[in-house]
Amino acid sequence: MYRSILVPVDILEEELTNNAIKHAVYLAKLTGGKIHLLHVLPISTAIINSYALGYLEFKDKASIKAEEELKKLADSIDLPRESVSYSLAFGSPRDEIAVTCSEVSADLIVIGSRRPNITTHLLGSNASGIVRYATTSVLIVR
């Protein structure tokens, strides 16, 4: 049923990430699907300013650290190595998830989310933005 499952992760949010991965692995094993992990580094003012001032090493250090964490996470997943891939992107999580979803031909997105509170109600959350704009099925894991 699910050939390609996209799992957007936040490497700093271990509990959310582990919950989403647990569900994605279950579904991948059940259906013979593959998992693609994605971590999106938001482009903050600090990164933009550092980049504009020529401090490319700031951006490089952030991406190297994130890539190391993604590799560790991918290696820890109980699926054959060829069934797990990962990538790193810079930008808006919602937009980058949509792009990656298309690139890996994902037929399901599995994402972790906290219980909604007043800040997510007023400002929106990554999960709600993904649900709103996704062109494929989305499973929200709490």
N, C-alpha and C. Protein backbone atom coordinates (compact mmCIF):
# COMPACT_ATOMS: atom_id res chain seq x y z
N MET A 1 0.82 -1.18 0.00
CA MET A 1 0.00 0.00 0.00
C MET A 1 0.87 1.26 0.00
N TYR A 2 1.83 1.36 0.92
CA TYR A 2 2.72 2.53 0.96
C TYR A 2 4.10 2.11 0.47
N ARG A 3 4.47 2.60 -0.69
CA ARG A 3 5.78 2.27 -1.25
C ARG A 3 6.86 3.21 -0.74
N SER A 4 6.49 4.45 -0.49
CA SER A 4 7.46 5.46 -0.07
C SER A 4 6.83 6.31 1.03
N ILE A 5 7.46 6.29 2.20
CA ILE A 5 6.95 7.03 3.36
C ILE A 5 7.95 8.12 3.71
N LEU A 6 7.50 9.35 3.68
CA LEU A 6 8.34 10.48 4.06
C LEU A 6 8.12 10.76 5.54
N VAL A 7 9.23 10.86 6.29
CA VAL A 7 9.16 11.14 7.72
C VAL A 7 9.97 12.40 8.01
N PRO A 8 9.32 13.56 8.05
CA PRO A 8 10.03 14.77 8.44
C PRO A 8 10.38 14.68 9.92
N VAL A 9 11.63 14.94 10.26
CA VAL A 9 12.06 14.83 11.65
C VAL A 9 12.74 16.12 12.10
N ASP A 10 12.69 16.33 13.39
CA ASP A 10 13.45 17.41 14.01
C ASP A 10 14.46 16.73 14.91
N ILE A 11 15.72 16.78 14.54
CA ILE A 11 16.74 16.05 15.28
C ILE A 11 16.90 16.55 16.71
N LEU A 12 16.34 17.71 17.01
CA LEU A 12 16.40 18.24 18.38
C LEU A 12 15.20 17.80 19.22
N GLU A 13 14.21 17.22 18.58
CA GLU A 13 12.98 16.79 19.26
C GLU A 13 12.92 15.26 19.24
N GLU A 14 13.68 14.64 20.12
CA GLU A 14 13.83 13.19 20.11
C GLU A 14 12.51 12.44 20.28
N GLU A 15 11.68 12.87 21.21
CA GLU A 15 10.43 12.16 21.47
C GLU A 15 9.49 12.19 20.26
N LEU A 16 9.30 13.38 19.67
CA LEU A 16 8.45 13.50 18.49
C LEU A 16 8.99 12.67 17.34
N THR A 17 10.30 12.75 17.15
CA THR A 17 10.95 12.01 16.07
C THR A 17 10.78 10.51 16.26
N ASN A 18 11.06 10.02 17.45
CA ASN A 18 10.98 8.58 17.70
C ASN A 18 9.55 8.05 17.54
N ASN A 19 8.57 8.81 17.98
CA ASN A 19 7.17 8.39 17.81
C ASN A 19 6.80 8.27 16.34
N ALA A 20 7.18 9.25 15.55
CA ALA A 20 6.86 9.23 14.12
C ALA A 20 7.58 8.06 13.43
N ILE A 21 8.84 7.88 13.76
CA ILE A 21 9.62 6.80 13.13
C ILE A 21 9.04 5.43 13.49
N LYS A 22 8.65 5.26 14.74
CA LYS A 22 8.07 3.98 15.17
C LYS A 22 6.86 3.62 14.30
N HIS A 23 5.97 4.58 14.06
CA HIS A 23 4.79 4.33 13.23
C HIS A 23 5.18 4.10 11.77
N ALA A 24 6.11 4.88 11.28
CA ALA A 24 6.53 4.73 9.88
C ALA A 24 7.18 3.36 9.64
N VAL A 25 8.01 2.91 10.58
CA VAL A 25 8.66 1.61 10.45
C VAL A 25 7.60 0.50 10.45
N TYR A 26 6.64 0.60 11.33
CA TYR A 26 5.57 -0.38 11.38
C TYR A 26 4.87 -0.48 10.02
N LEU A 27 4.50 0.68 9.46
CA LEU A 27 3.81 0.70 8.18
C LEU A 27 4.71 0.21 7.04
N ALA A 28 5.98 0.57 7.08
CA ALA A 28 6.92 0.12 6.04
C ALA A 28 7.07 -1.39 6.07
N LYS A 29 7.18 -1.96 7.26
CA LYS A 29 7.30 -3.42 7.38
C LYS A 29 6.02 -4.10 6.92
N LEU A 30 4.90 -3.53 7.25
CA LEU A 30 3.60 -4.09 6.90
C LEU A 30 3.37 -4.09 5.38
N THR A 31 3.86 -3.05 4.72
CA THR A 31 3.56 -2.89 3.29
C THR A 31 4.77 -3.06 2.38
N GLY A 32 5.95 -3.30 2.95
CA GLY A 32 7.15 -3.44 2.13
C GLY A 32 7.65 -2.12 1.58
N GLY A 33 7.29 -1.03 2.25
CA GLY A 33 7.67 0.30 1.79
C GLY A 33 9.05 0.73 2.25
N LYS A 34 9.47 1.87 1.72
CA LYS A 34 10.74 2.49 2.09
C LYS A 34 10.45 3.76 2.86
N ILE A 35 11.43 4.14 3.68
CA ILE A 35 11.30 5.34 4.50
C ILE A 35 12.36 6.36 4.06
N HIS A 36 11.93 7.60 3.95
CA HIS A 36 12.86 8.69 3.68
C HIS A 36 12.73 9.71 4.80
N LEU A 37 13.82 9.92 5.54
CA LEU A 37 13.85 10.91 6.61
C LEU A 37 14.25 12.26 6.03
N LEU A 38 13.65 13.32 6.54
CA LEU A 38 13.98 14.67 6.11
C LEU A 38 14.09 15.57 7.33
N HIS A 39 15.20 16.29 7.40
CA HIS A 39 15.34 17.33 8.44
C HIS A 39 15.50 18.66 7.72
N VAL A 40 14.72 19.63 8.12
CA VAL A 40 14.77 20.95 7.50
C VAL A 40 15.36 21.94 8.49
N LEU A 41 16.45 22.56 8.07
CA LEU A 41 17.05 23.63 8.86
C LEU A 41 16.42 24.94 8.42
N PRO A 42 15.71 25.60 9.33
CA PRO A 42 15.09 26.87 8.94
C PRO A 42 16.15 27.93 8.65
N ILE A 43 15.87 28.75 7.69
CA ILE A 43 16.81 29.83 7.38
C ILE A 43 16.45 30.99 8.30
N SER A 44 17.28 31.17 9.30
CA SER A 44 17.04 32.24 10.26
C SER A 44 17.83 33.49 9.87
N THR A 45 17.53 34.56 10.52
CA THR A 45 18.24 35.81 10.27
C THR A 45 19.74 35.64 10.52
N ALA A 46 20.10 34.89 11.55
CA ALA A 46 21.52 34.68 11.86
C ALA A 46 22.24 33.98 10.72
N ILE A 47 21.61 32.96 10.15
CA ILE A 47 22.23 32.24 9.05
C ILE A 47 22.32 33.12 7.81
N ILE A 48 21.25 33.86 7.52
CA ILE A 48 21.26 34.74 6.35
C ILE A 48 22.35 35.80 6.49
N ASN A 49 22.44 36.42 7.68
CA ASN A 49 23.47 37.43 7.91
C ASN A 49 24.87 36.85 7.82
N SER A 50 25.07 35.68 8.40
CA SER A 50 26.39 35.03 8.34
C SER A 50 26.75 34.70 6.91
N TYR A 51 25.79 34.20 6.16
CA TYR A 51 26.02 33.85 4.76
C TYR A 51 26.36 35.11 3.96
N ALA A 52 25.61 36.19 4.18
CA ALA A 52 25.83 37.44 3.46
C ALA A 52 27.19 38.04 3.79
N LEU A 53 27.65 37.83 5.01
CA LEU A 53 28.94 38.38 5.43
C LEU A 53 30.10 37.45 5.07
N GLY A 54 29.80 36.35 4.44
CA GLY A 54 30.86 35.45 4.00
C GLY A 54 31.22 34.37 5.00
N TYR A 55 30.41 34.18 6.03
CA TYR A 55 30.71 33.15 7.03
C TYR A 55 30.05 31.83 6.65
N LEU A 56 30.51 31.26 5.56
CA LEU A 56 29.91 30.03 5.06
C LEU A 56 30.10 28.87 6.04
N GLU A 57 31.16 28.98 6.85
CA GLU A 57 31.41 27.88 7.80
C GLU A 57 30.28 27.75 8.81
N PHE A 58 29.54 28.82 9.12
CA PHE A 58 28.41 28.75 10.04
C PHE A 58 27.33 27.83 9.46
N LYS A 59 26.99 28.06 8.19
CA LYS A 59 26.01 27.23 7.51
C LYS A 59 26.53 25.80 7.38
N ASP A 60 27.80 25.67 7.05
CA ASP A 60 28.39 24.34 6.87
C ASP A 60 28.39 23.54 8.16
N LYS A 61 28.72 24.18 9.28
CA LYS A 61 28.74 23.48 10.57
C LYS A 61 27.34 22.99 10.94
N ALA A 62 26.34 23.81 10.72
CA ALA A 62 24.97 23.42 11.03
C ALA A 62 24.55 22.22 10.18
N SER A 63 24.87 22.25 8.90
CA SER A 63 24.46 21.15 8.03
C SER A 63 25.27 19.89 8.29
N ILE A 64 26.54 20.03 8.63
CA ILE A 64 27.37 18.85 8.94
C ILE A 64 26.84 18.15 10.19
N LYS A 65 26.53 18.92 11.23
CA LYS A 65 26.00 18.34 12.46
C LYS A 65 24.65 17.67 12.21
N ALA A 66 23.77 18.33 11.47
CA ALA A 66 22.47 17.76 11.18
C ALA A 66 22.61 16.49 10.35
N GLU A 67 23.51 16.49 9.39
CA GLU A 67 23.73 15.30 8.55
C GLU A 67 24.24 14.13 9.38
N GLU A 68 25.15 14.41 10.32
CA GLU A 68 25.65 13.34 11.21
C GLU A 68 24.51 12.73 12.02
N GLU A 69 23.65 13.59 12.56
CA GLU A 69 22.52 13.11 13.37
C GLU A 69 21.53 12.32 12.52
N LEU A 70 21.28 12.78 11.31
CA LEU A 70 20.37 12.06 10.41
C LEU A 70 20.92 10.68 10.06
N LYS A 71 22.22 10.60 9.81
CA LYS A 71 22.84 9.31 9.48
C LYS A 71 22.71 8.35 10.66
N LYS A 72 22.97 8.84 11.87
CA LYS A 72 22.82 7.99 13.06
C LYS A 72 21.38 7.50 13.20
N LEU A 73 20.45 8.41 12.97
CA LEU A 73 19.03 8.06 13.07
C LEU A 73 18.66 7.01 12.02
N ALA A 74 19.09 7.21 10.80
CA ALA A 74 18.80 6.26 9.72
C ALA A 74 19.41 4.89 10.02
N ASP A 75 20.63 4.87 10.54
CA ASP A 75 21.31 3.61 10.86
C ASP A 75 20.62 2.86 12.00
N SER A 76 19.89 3.58 12.84
CA SER A 76 19.23 2.94 13.99
C SER A 76 17.88 2.30 13.63
N ILE A 77 17.39 2.56 12.44
CA ILE A 77 16.07 2.07 12.05
C ILE A 77 16.13 0.59 11.68
N ASP A 78 15.19 -0.17 12.20
CA ASP A 78 15.15 -1.61 12.01
C ASP A 78 14.50 -1.99 10.68
N LEU A 79 15.17 -1.60 9.61
CA LEU A 79 14.77 -1.95 8.26
C LEU A 79 16.06 -2.20 7.46
N PRO A 80 15.97 -2.94 6.36
CA PRO A 80 17.17 -3.11 5.54
C PRO A 80 17.72 -1.75 5.10
N ARG A 81 19.03 -1.66 5.01
CA ARG A 81 19.71 -0.40 4.69
C ARG A 81 19.15 0.25 3.42
N GLU A 82 18.83 -0.57 2.42
CA GLU A 82 18.33 -0.02 1.15
C GLU A 82 16.90 0.51 1.26
N SER A 83 16.26 0.28 2.39
CA SER A 83 14.88 0.76 2.60
C SER A 83 14.81 2.08 3.36
N VAL A 84 15.97 2.62 3.72
CA VAL A 84 16.01 3.87 4.49
C VAL A 84 16.95 4.86 3.81
N SER A 85 16.44 6.04 3.55
CA SER A 85 17.26 7.12 3.00
C SER A 85 16.97 8.39 3.79
N TYR A 86 17.79 9.40 3.57
CA TYR A 86 17.57 10.66 4.28
C TYR A 86 18.11 11.82 3.47
N SER A 87 17.61 13.01 3.80
CA SER A 87 18.12 14.23 3.17
C SER A 87 17.95 15.39 4.13
N LEU A 88 18.64 16.45 3.80
CA LEU A 88 18.67 17.67 4.60
C LEU A 88 18.30 18.82 3.67
N ALA A 89 17.49 19.75 4.16
CA ALA A 89 17.10 20.90 3.34
C ALA A 89 17.15 22.16 4.20
N PHE A 90 17.24 23.29 3.54
CA PHE A 90 17.19 24.60 4.19
C PHE A 90 15.95 25.33 3.71
N GLY A 91 15.21 25.94 4.63
CA GLY A 91 14.05 26.73 4.24
C GLY A 91 12.87 26.52 5.15
N SER A 92 11.70 26.74 4.62
CA SER A 92 10.45 26.56 5.35
C SER A 92 10.14 25.07 5.43
N PRO A 93 9.95 24.51 6.63
CA PRO A 93 9.65 23.08 6.73
C PRO A 93 8.48 22.67 5.85
N ARG A 94 7.39 23.42 5.87
CA ARG A 94 6.22 23.06 5.06
C ARG A 94 6.57 22.97 3.58
N ASP A 95 7.29 23.97 3.07
CA ASP A 95 7.63 24.00 1.65
C ASP A 95 8.63 22.91 1.28
N GLU A 96 9.63 22.71 2.11
CA GLU A 96 10.66 21.71 1.82
C GLU A 96 10.09 20.29 1.92
N ILE A 97 9.15 20.08 2.82
CA ILE A 97 8.49 18.78 2.92
C ILE A 97 7.69 18.50 1.65
N ALA A 98 7.00 19.51 1.14
CA ALA A 98 6.23 19.34 -0.10
C ALA A 98 7.15 19.00 -1.27
N VAL A 99 8.28 19.69 -1.36
CA VAL A 99 9.23 19.43 -2.45
C VAL A 99 9.79 18.02 -2.34
N THR A 100 10.21 17.63 -1.13
CA THR A 100 10.80 16.31 -0.94
C THR A 100 9.77 15.22 -1.16
N CYS A 101 8.56 15.45 -0.75
CA CYS A 101 7.47 14.49 -0.96
C CYS A 101 7.35 14.16 -2.45
N SER A 102 7.41 15.16 -3.26
CA SER A 102 7.35 14.97 -4.71
C SER A 102 8.60 14.25 -5.23
N GLU A 103 9.77 14.67 -4.74
CA GLU A 103 11.03 14.08 -5.21
C GLU A 103 11.14 12.59 -4.91
N VAL A 104 10.66 12.17 -3.75
CA VAL A 104 10.77 10.74 -3.38
C VAL A 104 9.49 9.98 -3.69
N SER A 105 8.55 10.63 -4.36
CA SER A 105 7.27 10.02 -4.72
C SER A 105 6.58 9.39 -3.52
N ALA A 106 6.57 10.13 -2.42
CA ALA A 106 5.97 9.62 -1.18
C ALA A 106 4.46 9.50 -1.34
N ASP A 107 3.93 8.38 -0.86
CA ASP A 107 2.48 8.24 -0.85
C ASP A 107 1.92 8.36 0.56
N LEU A 108 2.82 8.68 1.52
CA LEU A 108 2.39 8.95 2.88
C LEU A 108 3.45 9.81 3.56
N ILE A 109 2.99 10.78 4.35
CA ILE A 109 3.87 11.57 5.20
C ILE A 109 3.50 11.22 6.64
N VAL A 110 4.49 10.85 7.45
CA VAL A 110 4.27 10.56 8.87
C VAL A 110 5.05 11.60 9.65
N ILE A 111 4.35 12.39 10.46
CA ILE A 111 5.01 13.46 11.21
C ILE A 111 4.53 13.47 12.65
N GLY A 112 5.46 13.74 13.56
CA GLY A 112 5.12 13.86 14.97
C GLY A 112 4.60 15.25 15.26
N SER A 113 3.71 15.33 16.25
CA SER A 113 3.15 16.62 16.63
C SER A 113 2.80 16.60 18.11
N ARG A 114 2.94 17.76 18.74
CA ARG A 114 2.52 17.89 20.14
C ARG A 114 1.03 18.19 20.17
N ARG A 115 0.49 18.13 21.36
CA ARG A 115 -0.90 18.56 21.51
C ARG A 115 -0.96 20.06 21.22
N PRO A 116 -2.01 20.48 20.53
CA PRO A 116 -2.12 21.91 20.21
C PRO A 116 -2.26 22.76 21.47
N ASN A 117 -1.68 23.94 21.41
CA ASN A 117 -1.87 24.89 22.50
C ASN A 117 -2.13 26.26 21.89
N ILE A 118 -2.18 27.27 22.70
CA ILE A 118 -2.56 28.59 22.22
C ILE A 118 -1.58 29.12 21.17
N THR A 119 -0.27 28.84 21.31
CA THR A 119 0.68 29.36 20.33
C THR A 119 0.53 28.66 18.99
N THR A 120 0.31 27.35 19.00
CA THR A 120 0.13 26.68 17.71
C THR A 120 -1.23 27.04 17.11
N HIS A 121 -2.21 27.33 17.96
CA HIS A 121 -3.52 27.73 17.45
C HIS A 121 -3.42 29.09 16.74
N LEU A 122 -2.69 30.01 17.33
CA LEU A 122 -2.58 31.34 16.75
C LEU A 122 -1.58 31.40 15.60
N LEU A 123 -0.47 30.71 15.73
CA LEU A 123 0.60 30.81 14.74
C LEU A 123 0.63 29.65 13.76
N GLY A 124 -0.01 28.57 14.10
CA GLY A 124 0.05 27.38 13.25
C GLY A 124 1.27 26.55 13.63
N SER A 125 1.26 25.30 13.28
CA SER A 125 2.39 24.43 13.54
C SER A 125 2.83 23.83 12.22
N ASN A 126 4.01 23.22 12.24
CA ASN A 126 4.49 22.56 11.03
C ASN A 126 3.50 21.49 10.58
N ALA A 127 3.03 20.69 11.53
CA ALA A 127 2.11 19.60 11.18
C ALA A 127 0.84 20.13 10.54
N SER A 128 0.26 21.19 11.10
CA SER A 128 -0.99 21.70 10.53
C SER A 128 -0.74 22.31 9.15
N GLY A 129 0.40 22.94 8.96
CA GLY A 129 0.74 23.48 7.63
C GLY A 129 0.91 22.38 6.60
N ILE A 130 1.50 21.28 7.02
CA ILE A 130 1.70 20.14 6.11
C ILE A 130 0.35 19.54 5.73
N VAL A 131 -0.50 19.34 6.72
CA VAL A 131 -1.84 18.78 6.45
C VAL A 131 -2.59 19.69 5.47
N ARG A 132 -2.50 20.98 5.69
CA ARG A 132 -3.24 21.94 4.87
C ARG A 132 -2.78 21.94 3.41
N TYR A 133 -1.47 21.76 3.17
CA TYR A 133 -0.94 21.93 1.82
C TYR A 133 -0.47 20.63 1.16
N ALA A 134 -0.49 19.53 1.85
CA ALA A 134 0.00 18.27 1.29
C ALA A 134 -0.90 17.77 0.17
N THR A 135 -0.28 17.13 -0.78
CA THR A 135 -1.03 16.53 -1.89
C THR A 135 -1.12 15.02 -1.72
N THR A 136 -0.64 14.51 -0.59
CA THR A 136 -0.69 13.09 -0.30
C THR A 136 -1.23 12.90 1.12
N SER A 137 -1.46 11.68 1.50
CA SER A 137 -1.98 11.40 2.85
C SER A 137 -0.95 11.77 3.91
N VAL A 138 -1.45 12.22 5.06
CA VAL A 138 -0.59 12.60 6.17
C VAL A 138 -1.08 11.91 7.43
N LEU A 139 -0.16 11.30 8.14
CA LEU A 139 -0.46 10.68 9.42
C LEU A 139 0.23 11.50 10.51
N ILE A 140 -0.55 12.09 11.40
CA ILE A 140 -0.02 12.86 12.52
C ILE A 140 0.07 11.94 13.72
N VAL A 141 1.26 11.86 14.31
CA VAL A 141 1.49 10.97 15.46
C VAL A 141 1.68 11.84 16.69
N ARG A 142 0.93 11.51 17.74
CA ARG A 142 1.08 12.23 19.02
C ARG A 142 1.54 11.27 20.08
